[in-house]
N, C-alpha and C. Protein backbone atom coordinates (compact mmCIF):
# COMPACT_ATOMS: atom_id res chain seq x y z
N UNK A 1 0.61 -0.95 0.07
CA UNK A 1 0.01 0.03 -0.20
C UNK A 1 0.73 1.36 -0.05
N UNK A 2 1.95 1.45 0.88
CA UNK A 2 2.94 2.36 0.63
C UNK A 2 3.35 2.71 -0.51
N UNK A 3 4.01 1.45 -1.20
CA UNK A 3 4.25 1.94 -2.49
C UNK A 3 3.45 2.39 -3.51
N UNK A 4 2.09 1.69 -3.35
CA UNK A 4 1.15 2.50 -4.37
C UNK A 4 0.80 3.82 -3.98
N UNK A 5 1.06 4.20 -2.82
CA UNK A 5 0.64 5.61 -2.56
C UNK A 5 1.91 6.56 -3.01
N UNK A 6 3.11 6.01 -2.92
CA UNK A 6 4.22 6.85 -3.31
C UNK A 6 4.07 6.71 -4.61
N UNK A 7 3.81 5.71 -5.51
CA UNK A 7 3.76 5.66 -6.90
C UNK A 7 2.74 6.63 -7.39
N UNK A 8 1.43 6.97 -6.56
CA UNK A 8 0.54 7.96 -7.25
C UNK A 8 0.92 9.19 -6.89
N UNK A 9 1.84 9.35 -5.64
CA UNK A 9 2.10 10.74 -5.58
C UNK A 9 3.11 11.07 -6.76
N UNK A 10 4.13 10.14 -6.92
CA UNK A 10 5.33 10.49 -7.90
C UNK A 10 4.43 10.75 -9.33
N UNK A 11 3.29 10.13 -9.76
CA UNK A 11 2.87 10.42 -10.89
C UNK A 11 2.00 11.65 -10.93
N UNK A 12 1.68 12.07 -9.88
CA UNK A 12 1.01 13.39 -9.87
C UNK A 12 2.00 14.37 -10.01
N UNK A 13 3.04 14.30 -9.06
CA UNK A 13 4.10 15.06 -9.52
C UNK A 13 4.80 15.34 -10.99
N UNK A 14 4.87 14.22 -11.61
CA UNK A 14 5.33 14.21 -13.09
C UNK A 14 4.24 14.84 -13.75
N UNK A 15 2.95 14.52 -13.65
CA UNK A 15 1.96 15.03 -14.49
C UNK A 15 2.03 17.02 -14.10
N UNK A 16 1.95 17.30 -13.11
CA UNK A 16 2.08 18.66 -12.59
C UNK A 16 3.50 19.33 -13.20
N UNK A 17 4.51 18.93 -13.36
CA UNK A 17 5.80 19.28 -13.80
C UNK A 17 5.48 19.16 -15.59
N UNK A 18 4.66 18.28 -15.91
CA UNK A 18 4.67 18.33 -17.40
C UNK A 18 3.51 19.00 -18.05
N UNK A 19 2.66 19.45 -17.22
CA UNK A 19 1.70 20.72 -17.74
C UNK A 19 1.52 21.75 -16.62
N UNK A 20 2.61 22.62 -16.91
CA UNK A 20 2.77 23.79 -15.86
C UNK A 20 1.90 24.66 -16.09
N UNK A 21 1.52 25.49 -14.89
CA UNK A 21 0.27 26.81 -15.27
C UNK A 21 1.37 27.92 -15.27
N UNK A 22 1.30 28.86 -16.24
CA UNK A 22 2.18 30.09 -16.11
C UNK A 22 1.50 30.90 -15.32
N UNK A 23 2.43 31.42 -14.36
CA UNK A 23 1.86 32.13 -13.42
C UNK A 23 1.88 33.80 -14.13
N UNK A 24 2.66 33.79 -15.04
CA UNK A 24 2.25 35.20 -15.92
C UNK A 24 1.61 34.98 -17.11
N UNK A 25 0.72 34.13 -17.28
CA UNK A 25 -0.49 34.20 -18.17
C UNK A 25 -1.40 35.39 -18.50
N UNK A 26 -1.21 35.74 -19.47
CA UNK A 26 -2.42 36.71 -19.50
C UNK A 26 -3.69 36.26 -19.15
N UNK A 27 -4.41 37.18 -18.53
CA UNK A 27 -5.67 37.13 -17.95
C UNK A 27 -6.72 37.09 -19.33
N UNK A 28 -7.78 36.06 -19.05
CA UNK A 28 -8.87 36.03 -19.84
C UNK A 28 -9.81 36.86 -20.02
N UNK A 29 -10.51 37.18 -21.15
CA UNK A 29 -11.52 37.81 -21.38
C UNK A 29 -12.69 37.96 -19.98
N UNK A 30 -13.04 36.92 -19.79
CA UNK A 30 -13.88 36.80 -18.47
C UNK A 30 -13.22 37.74 -17.22
N UNK A 31 -11.95 36.94 -16.85
CA UNK A 31 -11.31 37.79 -15.50
C UNK A 31 -11.46 39.16 -15.94
N UNK A 32 -11.08 39.86 -17.06
CA UNK A 32 -10.94 41.17 -17.43
C UNK A 32 -12.08 41.84 -17.02
N UNK A 33 -13.36 41.29 -17.41
CA UNK A 33 -14.58 42.09 -17.11
C UNK A 33 -15.09 41.77 -15.73
N UNK A 34 -14.69 41.02 -15.01
CA UNK A 34 -15.14 40.99 -13.79
C UNK A 34 -14.20 42.03 -12.88
N UNK A 35 -12.99 41.94 -13.27
CA UNK A 35 -11.92 43.13 -12.67
C UNK A 35 -12.47 44.44 -13.01
N UNK A 36 -12.67 44.66 -14.26
CA UNK A 36 -13.38 46.15 -14.54
C UNK A 36 -14.63 46.38 -14.11
N UNK A 37 -15.48 45.53 -13.70
CA UNK A 37 -16.76 45.64 -12.86
C UNK A 37 -16.47 46.11 -11.66
N UNK A 38 -15.34 45.85 -10.90
CA UNK A 38 -14.86 46.56 -9.64
C UNK A 38 -14.75 48.11 -9.79
N UNK A 39 -14.27 48.35 -11.20
CA UNK A 39 -13.91 49.90 -11.53
C UNK A 39 -15.18 50.69 -11.70
N UNK A 40 -16.38 50.18 -12.02
CA UNK A 40 -17.63 50.57 -12.34
C UNK A 40 -18.18 51.52 -11.41
N UNK A 41 -17.71 51.43 -10.16
CA UNK A 41 -18.64 52.29 -9.41
C UNK A 41 -17.99 53.97 -9.34
N UNK A 42 -16.92 53.96 -9.61
CA UNK A 42 -16.29 55.56 -10.04
C UNK A 42 -16.22 55.61 -11.58
N UNK A 43 -15.71 54.70 -12.21
CA UNK A 43 -15.57 54.81 -13.77
C UNK A 43 -16.59 54.33 -14.91
N UNK A 44 -17.40 53.93 -14.10
CA UNK A 44 -18.73 53.71 -14.88
C UNK A 44 -18.73 52.39 -15.51
N UNK A 45 -19.69 51.61 -15.93
CA UNK A 45 -19.99 50.48 -16.47
C UNK A 45 -19.17 50.38 -17.76
N UNK A 46 -18.19 49.05 -17.97
CA UNK A 46 -17.45 49.38 -19.35
C UNK A 46 -16.53 50.58 -19.26
N UNK A 47 -16.26 51.21 -18.10
CA UNK A 47 -15.31 52.71 -18.41
C UNK A 47 -16.24 53.80 -19.00
N UNK A 48 -17.09 53.94 -19.01
CA UNK A 48 -18.15 55.25 -19.24
C UNK A 48 -18.35 55.81 -18.05
N UNK A 49 -17.89 56.80 -17.71
CA UNK A 49 -18.07 57.33 -15.98
C UNK A 49 -19.17 58.28 -16.49
N UNK A 50 -19.88 58.82 -15.07
CA UNK A 50 -20.82 59.56 -15.45
C UNK A 50 -20.12 61.11 -14.96
N UNK A 51 -20.74 62.00 -15.28
CA UNK A 51 -19.83 63.58 -15.10
C UNK A 51 -19.29 63.44 -13.94
N UNK A 52 -18.20 64.05 -13.93
CA UNK A 52 -17.26 64.38 -12.79
C UNK A 52 -16.14 63.20 -12.48
N UNK A 53 -16.36 62.24 -13.40
CA UNK A 53 -15.45 61.07 -12.89
C UNK A 53 -14.51 60.85 -14.43
N UNK A 54 -13.65 60.01 -14.43
CA UNK A 54 -12.81 60.09 -15.67
C UNK A 54 -13.14 58.63 -16.35
N UNK A 55 -13.65 58.97 -17.65
CA UNK A 55 -13.86 57.64 -18.06
C UNK A 55 -12.75 57.32 -18.67
N UNK A 56 -12.78 55.65 -18.95
CA UNK A 56 -11.56 54.95 -19.30
C UNK A 56 -11.90 54.22 -20.62
N UNK A 57 -12.96 54.10 -21.11
CA UNK A 57 -13.26 53.48 -22.28
C UNK A 57 -12.56 54.22 -23.61
N UNK A 58 -12.09 53.66 -24.41
CA UNK A 58 -11.07 54.02 -25.53
C UNK A 58 -10.00 54.89 -25.32
N UNK A 59 -9.44 54.80 -24.02
CA UNK A 59 -8.44 55.61 -23.96
C UNK A 59 -7.32 54.94 -24.37
N UNK A 60 -6.06 55.48 -24.85
CA UNK A 60 -4.70 54.94 -24.96
C UNK A 60 -4.31 53.88 -24.04
N UNK A 61 -4.11 52.51 -24.57
CA UNK A 61 -3.78 51.30 -23.49
C UNK A 61 -2.38 51.56 -22.58
N UNK A 62 -1.51 52.22 -23.47
CA UNK A 62 -0.19 52.32 -23.03
C UNK A 62 -0.51 53.78 -21.94
N UNK A 63 -1.21 54.60 -22.19
CA UNK A 63 -1.04 55.84 -21.08
C UNK A 63 -1.93 54.88 -20.08
N UNK A 64 -2.89 54.42 -19.93
CA UNK A 64 -3.69 53.71 -18.66
C UNK A 64 -2.91 52.82 -18.13
N UNK A 65 -1.91 51.98 -18.76
CA UNK A 65 -0.96 51.10 -17.85
C UNK A 65 -0.08 51.96 -17.19
N UNK A 66 0.51 53.17 -18.13
CA UNK A 66 1.39 53.67 -16.99
C UNK A 66 0.64 54.51 -16.19
N UNK A 67 -0.48 54.89 -15.67
CA UNK A 67 -0.96 55.72 -14.90
C UNK A 67 -1.68 54.47 -13.68
N UNK A 68 -1.79 53.40 -14.27
CA UNK A 68 -2.00 52.42 -12.86
C UNK A 68 -0.81 52.04 -12.55
N UNK A 69 0.36 51.78 -13.42
CA UNK A 69 1.68 51.38 -12.60
C UNK A 69 2.13 52.50 -11.46
N UNK A 70 1.82 53.83 -12.02
CA UNK A 70 2.14 54.94 -11.24
C UNK A 70 1.54 54.88 -9.79
N UNK A 71 -0.04 54.27 -10.14
CA UNK A 71 -0.81 54.53 -8.85
C UNK A 71 -0.10 53.39 -8.22
N UNK A 72 0.37 52.11 -8.68
CA UNK A 72 0.58 50.89 -7.63
C UNK A 72 2.12 51.36 -7.19
N UNK A 73 2.55 52.05 -7.51
CA UNK A 73 4.13 52.47 -7.19
C UNK A 73 4.10 53.95 -6.43
N UNK A 74 2.99 54.41 -6.04
CA UNK A 74 2.90 55.51 -5.16
C UNK A 74 3.78 56.61 -5.82
N UNK A 75 3.86 56.50 -7.09
CA UNK A 75 4.31 57.61 -7.79
C UNK A 75 3.51 58.96 -8.17
N UNK A 76 2.19 58.43 -8.50
CA UNK A 76 0.85 59.58 -8.82
C UNK A 76 0.29 59.39 -7.62
N UNK A 77 -0.18 60.82 -7.15
CA UNK A 77 -0.97 61.44 -6.23
C UNK A 77 -2.41 60.68 -6.34
N UNK A 78 -3.24 59.83 -5.30
CA UNK A 78 -4.58 59.39 -5.62
C UNK A 78 -5.35 59.43 -4.11
N UNK A 79 -6.47 59.32 -4.21
CA UNK A 79 -7.09 59.15 -2.76
C UNK A 79 -7.39 57.41 -2.72
N UNK A 80 -7.82 56.69 -3.72
CA UNK A 80 -7.77 55.19 -3.58
C UNK A 80 -7.42 54.52 -4.63
N UNK A 81 -6.99 55.10 -5.85
CA UNK A 81 -6.40 54.39 -6.88
C UNK A 81 -5.14 53.75 -6.50
N UNK A 82 -4.10 54.10 -5.57
CA UNK A 82 -3.00 53.63 -5.35
C UNK A 82 -3.45 52.19 -4.90
N UNK A 83 -4.47 52.02 -3.89
CA UNK A 83 -4.77 50.82 -2.90
C UNK A 83 -5.14 49.86 -4.12
N UNK A 84 -6.25 50.52 -4.73
CA UNK A 84 -6.55 49.62 -5.97
C UNK A 84 -5.55 48.82 -6.85
N UNK A 85 -4.88 49.86 -7.36
CA UNK A 85 -3.85 49.11 -8.29
C UNK A 85 -2.90 48.28 -7.49
N UNK A 86 -2.55 48.37 -6.18
CA UNK A 86 -2.06 47.37 -5.87
C UNK A 86 -2.62 46.09 -5.66
N UNK A 87 -3.73 45.76 -5.76
CA UNK A 87 -4.51 44.53 -5.86
C UNK A 87 -4.28 43.73 -7.06
N UNK A 88 -3.49 44.19 -8.01
CA UNK A 88 -3.22 43.34 -9.49
C UNK A 88 -1.65 43.29 -9.69
N UNK A 89 -1.34 42.20 -10.40
CA UNK A 89 0.28 42.18 -10.98
C UNK A 89 0.00 43.08 -11.82
N UNK A 90 1.35 43.76 -12.46
CA UNK A 90 1.43 44.24 -13.27
C UNK A 90 0.83 44.05 -15.07
N UNK A 91 1.03 42.49 -15.09
CA UNK A 91 0.25 41.90 -16.15
C UNK A 91 -1.26 42.21 -15.95
N UNK A 92 -1.78 41.88 -14.85
CA UNK A 92 -3.12 41.70 -14.69
C UNK A 92 -3.75 43.49 -15.43
N UNK A 93 -2.83 44.68 -14.88
CA UNK A 93 -2.88 45.91 -15.12
C UNK A 93 -3.08 46.14 -16.46
N UNK A 94 -1.85 45.53 -17.05
CA UNK A 94 -1.81 45.67 -18.46
C UNK A 94 -3.08 44.89 -19.37
N UNK A 95 -3.69 44.12 -19.04
CA UNK A 95 -5.15 43.59 -19.29
C UNK A 95 -5.84 44.67 -19.15
N UNK A 96 -6.17 45.08 -17.87
CA UNK A 96 -7.25 45.95 -17.65
C UNK A 96 -7.16 47.16 -18.96
N UNK A 97 -5.73 47.60 -18.91
CA UNK A 97 -5.67 48.82 -19.62
C UNK A 97 -6.11 48.60 -21.01
N UNK A 98 -5.76 47.59 -21.52
CA UNK A 98 -6.04 47.31 -23.15
C UNK A 98 -7.47 46.93 -23.14
N UNK A 99 -8.27 46.24 -21.80
CA UNK A 99 -9.65 45.95 -22.01
C UNK A 99 -10.45 47.32 -22.02
N UNK A 100 -9.92 48.31 -21.19
CA UNK A 100 -10.84 49.69 -21.40
C UNK A 100 -10.35 50.37 -22.78
N UNK A 101 -9.11 50.20 -23.03
CA UNK A 101 -9.01 50.80 -24.52
C UNK A 101 -9.57 50.19 -25.53
N UNK A 102 -10.22 48.81 -25.37
CA UNK A 102 -11.11 48.47 -26.58
C UNK A 102 -12.49 48.65 -26.28
N UNK A 103 -12.80 49.27 -25.46
CA UNK A 103 -14.55 49.96 -24.98
C UNK A 103 -14.35 50.93 -26.06
N UNK A 104 -15.64 50.91 -26.75
CA UNK A 104 -15.89 52.22 -27.57
C UNK A 104 -16.03 53.69 -26.55
N UNK A 105 -15.80 54.60 -27.37
CA UNK A 105 -15.91 55.76 -26.48
C UNK A 105 -17.49 56.08 -26.76
N UNK A 106 -18.08 57.18 -25.64
CA UNK A 106 -19.40 57.36 -26.25
C UNK A 106 -19.60 59.05 -26.39
């Protein structure tokens, strides 16, 4: 029984090594939509903000990414954005920037 248990453990380890999950995999569209929904309270649904807030829809992805990274690294002053940005990896922020950039402006 001990040998069978060790054999199963070895097989499971070999399978895990054969099919590694990338930690830096680009987030899928579903994940991006869920994350973007967290931005809706201030920046509106799909990045279309109400008057007085900044719309994100249709903005340049590189500019959005730079802003998000600056918030994350406390380079740019903010009230709450620095806390929000710190909750995401750089790759996730890049994905969000691209997602908002792809939304049509109104």
